[in-house]
Amino acid sequence: MKKIIYRSQNDAENFDMKRFLKSLNKYAKISEKEAKEALADFEQYETMHVSCLVEVGMKLIEEKKGEKVAKEYFDENSEYFDEGKFERLRRITGYLVGTLDRWNDAKKAEEKARVKHCVNSAIDDAERLAALETQAMEHNIAYAH
């Protein structure tokens, strides 16, 4: 069974889908199927840091309820990372940002279309290459490898 690590290896505990869904459903209606699909990239790992779960949760909530609600979820769950809460900073298309509130529609579309990578990515090189080629075709861009 997969172990979830919070602050250190010593505080690892078994992953509980019901608990994960309960935390998500406080913010948006997320089905077990949607959660399992979002967690599929992590199936090969025996242990996973809670930050990966929070990122998956934020993505699911953001798709349903928007970034503001996803940030509320993050703020509630950031207690597992360190003492106190912190603002989520992301490097998006060359910019360090906390939120996308002031971005125009074109920049938001560019962010949504980008290939997203995770530190614990379970995607191998062949799958990554296929994803890049698919993205290039969707945007009508020539892609050579």
N, C-alpha and C. Protein backbone atom coordinates (compact mmCIF):
# COMPACT_ATOMS: atom_id res chain seq x y z
N MET A 1 0.84 -1.18 0.00
CA MET A 1 0.00 0.00 0.00
C MET A 1 0.88 1.25 0.00
N LYS A 2 0.48 2.26 -0.74
CA LYS A 2 1.23 3.50 -0.86
C LYS A 2 1.27 4.24 0.48
N LYS A 3 2.44 4.78 0.79
CA LYS A 3 2.63 5.59 1.99
C LYS A 3 2.71 7.06 1.61
N ILE A 4 2.07 7.90 2.39
CA ILE A 4 2.12 9.35 2.20
C ILE A 4 3.04 9.92 3.26
N ILE A 5 4.04 10.68 2.82
CA ILE A 5 5.01 11.29 3.73
C ILE A 5 4.61 12.74 3.95
N TYR A 6 4.55 13.16 5.19
CA TYR A 6 4.20 14.55 5.51
C TYR A 6 5.47 15.35 5.71
N ARG A 7 5.92 15.58 6.91
CA ARG A 7 7.12 16.40 7.11
C ARG A 7 8.41 15.59 6.96
N SER A 8 8.39 14.35 7.39
CA SER A 8 9.59 13.52 7.29
C SER A 8 9.18 12.07 7.06
N GLN A 9 10.17 11.25 6.76
CA GLN A 9 9.92 9.83 6.50
C GLN A 9 9.26 9.14 7.70
N ASN A 10 9.55 9.64 8.90
CA ASN A 10 9.02 9.04 10.12
C ASN A 10 7.51 9.24 10.29
N ASP A 11 6.94 10.25 9.63
CA ASP A 11 5.50 10.49 9.80
C ASP A 11 4.68 9.98 8.62
N ALA A 12 5.23 9.01 7.88
CA ALA A 12 4.50 8.43 6.74
C ALA A 12 3.31 7.63 7.25
N GLU A 13 2.23 7.67 6.49
CA GLU A 13 1.05 6.86 6.82
C GLU A 13 0.42 6.35 5.53
N ASN A 14 -0.43 5.34 5.65
CA ASN A 14 -1.07 4.76 4.48
C ASN A 14 -2.00 5.76 3.80
N PHE A 15 -1.98 5.73 2.48
CA PHE A 15 -2.87 6.59 1.71
C PHE A 15 -4.31 6.10 1.89
N ASP A 16 -5.22 7.05 2.09
CA ASP A 16 -6.62 6.74 2.29
C ASP A 16 -7.44 7.56 1.28
N MET A 17 -7.98 6.90 0.26
CA MET A 17 -8.73 7.58 -0.78
C MET A 17 -9.94 8.32 -0.21
N LYS A 18 -10.63 7.71 0.75
CA LYS A 18 -11.80 8.36 1.34
C LYS A 18 -11.43 9.68 2.02
N ARG A 19 -10.31 9.66 2.73
CA ARG A 19 -9.84 10.89 3.39
C ARG A 19 -9.47 11.95 2.36
N PHE A 20 -8.79 11.53 1.28
CA PHE A 20 -8.40 12.46 0.22
C PHE A 20 -9.64 13.07 -0.43
N LEU A 21 -10.62 12.24 -0.77
CA LEU A 21 -11.86 12.74 -1.38
C LEU A 21 -12.61 13.67 -0.44
N LYS A 22 -12.62 13.35 0.83
CA LYS A 22 -13.30 14.21 1.81
C LYS A 22 -12.66 15.60 1.83
N SER A 23 -11.33 15.65 1.78
CA SER A 23 -10.66 16.95 1.78
C SER A 23 -10.94 17.73 0.50
N LEU A 24 -11.05 17.02 -0.63
CA LEU A 24 -11.35 17.69 -1.91
C LEU A 24 -12.79 18.18 -1.96
N ASN A 25 -13.70 17.34 -1.50
CA ASN A 25 -15.13 17.64 -1.63
C ASN A 25 -15.60 18.76 -0.71
N LYS A 26 -14.73 19.22 0.17
CA LYS A 26 -15.06 20.42 0.94
C LYS A 26 -15.04 21.65 0.03
N TYR A 27 -14.37 21.53 -1.10
CA TYR A 27 -14.18 22.66 -2.01
C TYR A 27 -14.85 22.48 -3.37
N ALA A 28 -14.94 21.26 -3.85
CA ALA A 28 -15.56 20.99 -5.15
C ALA A 28 -15.98 19.52 -5.19
N LYS A 29 -16.99 19.23 -5.97
CA LYS A 29 -17.49 17.86 -6.11
C LYS A 29 -16.55 17.10 -7.04
N ILE A 30 -15.72 16.23 -6.44
CA ILE A 30 -14.75 15.44 -7.19
C ILE A 30 -15.11 13.96 -7.00
N SER A 31 -15.25 13.24 -8.10
CA SER A 31 -15.58 11.82 -8.00
C SER A 31 -14.32 10.99 -7.73
N GLU A 32 -14.52 9.78 -7.24
CA GLU A 32 -13.39 8.89 -6.99
C GLU A 32 -12.68 8.57 -8.30
N LYS A 33 -13.44 8.43 -9.37
CA LYS A 33 -12.85 8.14 -10.69
C LYS A 33 -11.92 9.27 -11.12
N GLU A 34 -12.38 10.52 -10.96
CA GLU A 34 -11.55 11.68 -11.33
C GLU A 34 -10.26 11.71 -10.50
N ALA A 35 -10.40 11.44 -9.21
CA ALA A 35 -9.23 11.45 -8.33
C ALA A 35 -8.24 10.35 -8.72
N LYS A 36 -8.75 9.15 -9.01
CA LYS A 36 -7.87 8.05 -9.41
C LYS A 36 -7.15 8.35 -10.72
N GLU A 37 -7.85 8.95 -11.67
CA GLU A 37 -7.22 9.32 -12.94
C GLU A 37 -6.11 10.34 -12.71
N ALA A 38 -6.37 11.32 -11.83
CA ALA A 38 -5.37 12.35 -11.55
C ALA A 38 -4.16 11.79 -10.82
N LEU A 39 -4.35 10.73 -10.04
CA LEU A 39 -3.26 10.12 -9.29
C LEU A 39 -2.54 9.01 -10.06
N ALA A 40 -2.99 8.71 -11.27
CA ALA A 40 -2.43 7.59 -12.04
C ALA A 40 -0.93 7.70 -12.26
N ASP A 41 -0.41 8.92 -12.41
CA ASP A 41 1.03 9.09 -12.63
C ASP A 41 1.86 8.65 -11.44
N PHE A 42 1.25 8.56 -10.27
CA PHE A 42 1.99 8.23 -9.06
C PHE A 42 1.85 6.77 -8.64
N GLU A 43 1.15 5.96 -9.43
CA GLU A 43 0.88 4.57 -9.05
C GLU A 43 2.14 3.74 -8.87
N GLN A 44 3.19 4.04 -9.61
CA GLN A 44 4.40 3.23 -9.54
C GLN A 44 5.23 3.52 -8.29
N TYR A 45 4.93 4.58 -7.56
CA TYR A 45 5.72 4.93 -6.39
C TYR A 45 5.13 4.33 -5.13
N GLU A 46 6.00 3.78 -4.30
CA GLU A 46 5.56 3.21 -3.03
C GLU A 46 5.28 4.31 -2.01
N THR A 47 6.08 5.38 -2.05
CA THR A 47 5.85 6.52 -1.16
C THR A 47 5.68 7.78 -1.98
N MET A 48 4.98 8.72 -1.42
CA MET A 48 4.73 9.99 -2.11
C MET A 48 4.63 11.08 -1.05
N HIS A 49 5.22 12.23 -1.32
CA HIS A 49 5.12 13.35 -0.39
C HIS A 49 3.74 13.98 -0.52
N VAL A 50 3.23 14.47 0.58
CA VAL A 50 1.89 15.06 0.61
C VAL A 50 1.77 16.23 -0.36
N SER A 51 2.86 16.90 -0.67
CA SER A 51 2.80 18.04 -1.60
C SER A 51 2.28 17.60 -2.97
N CYS A 52 2.59 16.37 -3.39
CA CYS A 52 2.07 15.85 -4.66
C CYS A 52 0.55 15.71 -4.59
N LEU A 53 0.05 15.23 -3.46
CA LEU A 53 -1.40 15.11 -3.28
C LEU A 53 -2.07 16.48 -3.32
N VAL A 54 -1.45 17.45 -2.67
CA VAL A 54 -2.02 18.80 -2.65
C VAL A 54 -2.03 19.38 -4.05
N GLU A 55 -0.97 19.18 -4.82
CA GLU A 55 -0.93 19.69 -6.20
C GLU A 55 -2.02 19.04 -7.05
N VAL A 56 -2.21 17.73 -6.90
CA VAL A 56 -3.26 17.03 -7.63
C VAL A 56 -4.63 17.59 -7.22
N GLY A 57 -4.82 17.76 -5.92
CA GLY A 57 -6.08 18.30 -5.42
C GLY A 57 -6.35 19.70 -5.94
N MET A 58 -5.31 20.53 -5.95
CA MET A 58 -5.47 21.90 -6.46
C MET A 58 -5.89 21.89 -7.93
N LYS A 59 -5.27 21.03 -8.71
CA LYS A 59 -5.59 20.96 -10.14
C LYS A 59 -7.06 20.55 -10.33
N LEU A 60 -7.50 19.53 -9.60
CA LEU A 60 -8.88 19.07 -9.71
C LEU A 60 -9.87 20.16 -9.30
N ILE A 61 -9.58 20.82 -8.20
CA ILE A 61 -10.47 21.87 -7.70
C ILE A 61 -10.46 23.07 -8.63
N GLU A 62 -9.29 23.43 -9.13
CA GLU A 62 -9.18 24.58 -10.03
C GLU A 62 -9.99 24.36 -11.31
N GLU A 63 -9.99 23.12 -11.82
CA GLU A 63 -10.77 22.81 -13.02
C GLU A 63 -12.27 22.98 -12.79
N LYS A 64 -12.71 22.70 -11.56
CA LYS A 64 -14.16 22.76 -11.26
C LYS A 64 -14.60 24.12 -10.72
N LYS A 65 -13.77 24.72 -9.86
CA LYS A 65 -14.21 25.92 -9.14
C LYS A 65 -13.34 27.14 -9.34
N GLY A 66 -12.21 27.01 -10.00
CA GLY A 66 -11.35 28.16 -10.25
C GLY A 66 -10.17 28.25 -9.30
N GLU A 67 -9.27 29.17 -9.62
CA GLU A 67 -8.02 29.29 -8.89
C GLU A 67 -8.20 29.79 -7.45
N LYS A 68 -9.16 30.64 -7.24
CA LYS A 68 -9.38 31.19 -5.90
C LYS A 68 -9.74 30.08 -4.91
N VAL A 69 -10.64 29.20 -5.30
CA VAL A 69 -11.05 28.09 -4.43
C VAL A 69 -9.89 27.10 -4.27
N ALA A 70 -9.12 26.88 -5.34
CA ALA A 70 -7.96 25.98 -5.25
C ALA A 70 -6.93 26.54 -4.27
N LYS A 71 -6.77 27.86 -4.24
CA LYS A 71 -5.83 28.48 -3.30
C LYS A 71 -6.31 28.29 -1.87
N GLU A 72 -7.62 28.33 -1.63
CA GLU A 72 -8.16 28.07 -0.29
C GLU A 72 -7.81 26.64 0.14
N TYR A 73 -7.95 25.69 -0.78
CA TYR A 73 -7.58 24.29 -0.49
C TYR A 73 -6.10 24.20 -0.14
N PHE A 74 -5.28 24.88 -0.95
CA PHE A 74 -3.83 24.88 -0.70
C PHE A 74 -3.52 25.45 0.67
N ASP A 75 -4.13 26.60 1.00
CA ASP A 75 -3.86 27.23 2.29
C ASP A 75 -4.21 26.32 3.45
N GLU A 76 -5.30 25.58 3.33
CA GLU A 76 -5.69 24.66 4.40
C GLU A 76 -4.70 23.51 4.54
N ASN A 77 -4.17 23.05 3.43
CA ASN A 77 -3.32 21.86 3.45
C ASN A 77 -1.82 22.16 3.48
N SER A 78 -1.43 23.42 3.37
CA SER A 78 0.00 23.74 3.39
C SER A 78 0.61 23.55 4.77
N GLU A 79 -0.21 23.36 5.80
CA GLU A 79 0.29 23.12 7.15
C GLU A 79 1.18 21.88 7.21
N TYR A 80 1.02 20.97 6.27
CA TYR A 80 1.81 19.74 6.26
C TYR A 80 3.24 19.96 5.77
N PHE A 81 3.50 21.08 5.15
CA PHE A 81 4.81 21.32 4.56
C PHE A 81 5.82 21.86 5.56
N ASP A 82 5.39 22.81 6.37
CA ASP A 82 6.31 23.49 7.26
C ASP A 82 5.49 24.26 8.28
N GLU A 83 6.16 24.93 9.18
CA GLU A 83 5.44 25.76 10.14
C GLU A 83 4.84 26.95 9.41
N GLY A 84 3.55 27.17 9.57
CA GLY A 84 2.89 28.30 8.95
C GLY A 84 2.57 28.06 7.50
N LYS A 85 1.83 28.98 6.95
CA LYS A 85 1.41 28.87 5.55
C LYS A 85 2.29 29.74 4.67
N PHE A 86 2.31 29.44 3.38
CA PHE A 86 3.08 30.23 2.45
C PHE A 86 2.31 30.35 1.15
N GLU A 87 2.68 31.32 0.37
CA GLU A 87 2.01 31.55 -0.90
C GLU A 87 2.59 30.62 -1.95
N ARG A 88 1.74 30.08 -2.76
CA ARG A 88 2.19 29.20 -3.84
C ARG A 88 2.77 30.06 -4.95
N LEU A 89 4.02 29.81 -5.31
CA LEU A 89 4.65 30.50 -6.42
C LEU A 89 4.91 29.49 -7.51
N ARG A 90 4.59 29.86 -8.74
CA ARG A 90 4.81 28.98 -9.87
C ARG A 90 5.59 29.72 -10.93
N ARG A 91 6.46 29.00 -11.61
CA ARG A 91 7.16 29.59 -12.74
C ARG A 91 6.37 29.20 -13.98
N ILE A 92 5.72 30.18 -14.57
CA ILE A 92 4.87 29.92 -15.72
C ILE A 92 5.39 30.75 -16.89
N THR A 93 5.73 30.08 -17.95
CA THR A 93 6.23 30.69 -19.19
C THR A 93 7.20 31.84 -18.90
N GLY A 94 8.11 31.61 -17.96
CA GLY A 94 9.16 32.59 -17.71
C GLY A 94 8.85 33.59 -16.62
N TYR A 95 7.70 33.51 -15.97
CA TYR A 95 7.34 34.47 -14.94
C TYR A 95 7.11 33.74 -13.61
N LEU A 96 7.55 34.34 -12.51
CA LEU A 96 7.21 33.83 -11.19
C LEU A 96 5.93 34.52 -10.76
N VAL A 97 4.89 33.74 -10.53
CA VAL A 97 3.59 34.33 -10.18
C VAL A 97 2.94 33.55 -9.05
N GLY A 98 2.09 34.24 -8.28
CA GLY A 98 1.29 33.58 -7.28
C GLY A 98 -0.06 33.22 -7.84
N THR A 99 -0.65 34.14 -8.60
CA THR A 99 -1.95 33.90 -9.21
C THR A 99 -1.93 34.40 -10.65
N LEU A 100 -2.96 34.03 -11.39
CA LEU A 100 -3.07 34.46 -12.79
C LEU A 100 -4.10 35.57 -12.95
N ASP A 101 -4.50 36.19 -11.85
CA ASP A 101 -5.58 37.18 -11.87
C ASP A 101 -5.37 38.30 -12.88
N ARG A 102 -4.14 38.78 -13.00
CA ARG A 102 -3.90 39.95 -13.85
C ARG A 102 -3.46 39.58 -15.27
N TRP A 103 -3.50 38.31 -15.62
CA TRP A 103 -3.09 37.88 -16.96
C TRP A 103 -4.24 38.05 -17.93
N ASN A 104 -3.91 38.38 -19.18
CA ASN A 104 -4.95 38.48 -20.21
C ASN A 104 -5.30 37.07 -20.71
N ASP A 105 -6.35 37.00 -21.53
CA ASP A 105 -6.85 35.70 -21.99
C ASP A 105 -5.81 34.91 -22.78
N ALA A 106 -5.01 35.60 -23.58
CA ALA A 106 -4.00 34.91 -24.39
C ALA A 106 -2.94 34.26 -23.50
N LYS A 107 -2.49 34.97 -22.48
CA LYS A 107 -1.47 34.43 -21.58
C LYS A 107 -2.04 33.27 -20.76
N LYS A 108 -3.31 33.39 -20.35
CA LYS A 108 -3.96 32.30 -19.62
C LYS A 108 -4.08 31.06 -20.51
N ALA A 109 -4.41 31.26 -21.78
CA ALA A 109 -4.51 30.13 -22.72
C ALA A 109 -3.15 29.47 -22.92
N GLU A 110 -2.11 30.29 -23.00
CA GLU A 110 -0.75 29.76 -23.15
C GLU A 110 -0.37 28.91 -21.94
N GLU A 111 -0.72 29.37 -20.74
CA GLU A 111 -0.42 28.62 -19.51
C GLU A 111 -1.18 27.30 -19.49
N LYS A 112 -2.44 27.34 -19.91
CA LYS A 112 -3.27 26.13 -19.90
C LYS A 112 -2.76 25.09 -20.90
N ALA A 113 -2.19 25.54 -22.02
CA ALA A 113 -1.75 24.63 -23.08
C ALA A 113 -0.36 24.05 -22.85
N ARG A 114 0.38 24.58 -21.89
CA ARG A 114 1.76 24.13 -21.72
C ARG A 114 1.82 22.70 -21.17
N VAL A 115 2.93 22.04 -21.41
CA VAL A 115 3.15 20.70 -20.87
C VAL A 115 3.61 20.87 -19.43
N LYS A 116 2.90 20.24 -18.51
CA LYS A 116 3.22 20.38 -17.09
C LYS A 116 4.01 19.16 -16.64
N HIS A 117 5.03 19.40 -15.84
CA HIS A 117 5.89 18.33 -15.34
C HIS A 117 5.83 18.32 -13.82
N CYS A 118 6.00 17.16 -13.24
CA CYS A 118 6.01 17.00 -11.79
C CYS A 118 7.38 16.50 -11.39
N VAL A 119 7.83 16.86 -10.20
CA VAL A 119 9.12 16.41 -9.71
C VAL A 119 9.16 14.89 -9.67
N ASN A 120 8.05 14.27 -9.27
CA ASN A 120 7.97 12.81 -9.18
C ASN A 120 7.33 12.23 -10.43
N SER A 121 7.61 12.81 -11.58
CA SER A 121 6.95 12.39 -12.81
C SER A 121 7.17 10.91 -13.10
N ALA A 122 6.07 10.23 -13.40
CA ALA A 122 6.14 8.80 -13.72
C ALA A 122 6.16 8.60 -15.23
N ILE A 123 6.22 9.67 -15.99
CA ILE A 123 6.17 9.59 -17.44
C ILE A 123 7.57 9.31 -17.97
N ASP A 124 7.71 8.29 -18.79
CA ASP A 124 9.02 7.99 -19.35
C ASP A 124 9.27 8.87 -20.58
N ASP A 125 10.49 8.79 -21.11
CA ASP A 125 10.88 9.67 -22.21
C ASP A 125 10.02 9.48 -23.45
N ALA A 126 9.63 8.26 -23.77
CA ALA A 126 8.81 8.01 -24.96
C ALA A 126 7.43 8.68 -24.80
N GLU A 127 6.84 8.56 -23.61
CA GLU A 127 5.54 9.20 -23.38
C GLU A 127 5.67 10.72 -23.41
N ARG A 128 6.76 11.25 -22.85
CA ARG A 128 7.00 12.70 -22.85
C ARG A 128 7.13 13.21 -24.29
N LEU A 129 7.87 12.46 -25.12
CA LEU A 129 8.05 12.84 -26.52
C LEU A 129 6.71 12.83 -27.24
N ALA A 130 5.90 11.79 -27.00
CA ALA A 130 4.58 11.71 -27.63
C ALA A 130 3.69 12.88 -27.20
N ALA A 131 3.77 13.25 -25.92
CA ALA A 131 2.97 14.38 -25.42
C ALA A 131 3.40 15.69 -26.07
N LEU A 132 4.71 15.89 -26.25
CA LEU A 132 5.20 17.09 -26.91
C LEU A 132 4.76 17.15 -28.37
N GLU A 133 4.83 16.01 -29.06
CA GLU A 133 4.41 15.97 -30.46
C GLU A 133 2.91 16.25 -30.58
N THR A 134 2.11 15.68 -29.69
CA THR A 134 0.67 15.92 -29.69
C THR A 134 0.37 17.39 -29.45
N GLN A 135 1.05 17.97 -28.47
CA GLN A 135 0.83 19.39 -28.18
C GLN A 135 1.22 20.26 -29.37
N ALA A 136 2.32 19.92 -30.03
CA ALA A 136 2.74 20.68 -31.20
C ALA A 136 1.70 20.60 -32.31
N MET A 137 1.15 19.41 -32.53
CA MET A 137 0.12 19.26 -33.57
C MET A 137 -1.14 20.05 -33.22
N GLU A 138 -1.53 20.04 -31.93
CA GLU A 138 -2.71 20.77 -31.50
C GLU A 138 -2.56 22.27 -31.76
N HIS A 139 -1.33 22.77 -31.64
CA HIS A 139 -1.09 24.20 -31.82
C HIS A 139 -0.52 24.51 -33.20
N ASN A 140 -0.53 23.49 -34.07
CA ASN A 140 -0.08 23.66 -35.45
C ASN A 140 1.36 24.19 -35.52
N ILE A 141 2.24 23.57 -34.73
CA ILE A 141 3.63 23.96 -34.67
C ILE A 141 4.47 22.77 -35.13
N ALA A 142 5.51 23.04 -35.90
CA ALA A 142 6.39 21.95 -36.33
C ALA A 142 7.24 21.52 -35.14
N TYR A 143 7.35 20.22 -34.94
CA TYR A 143 8.16 19.69 -33.83
C TYR A 143 9.07 18.61 -34.38
N ALA A 144 10.38 18.82 -34.23
CA ALA A 144 11.35 17.85 -34.71
C ALA A 144 12.14 17.33 -33.52
N HIS A 145 12.38 16.05 -33.48
CA HIS A 145 13.18 15.48 -32.39
C HIS A 145 14.41 14.79 -32.93
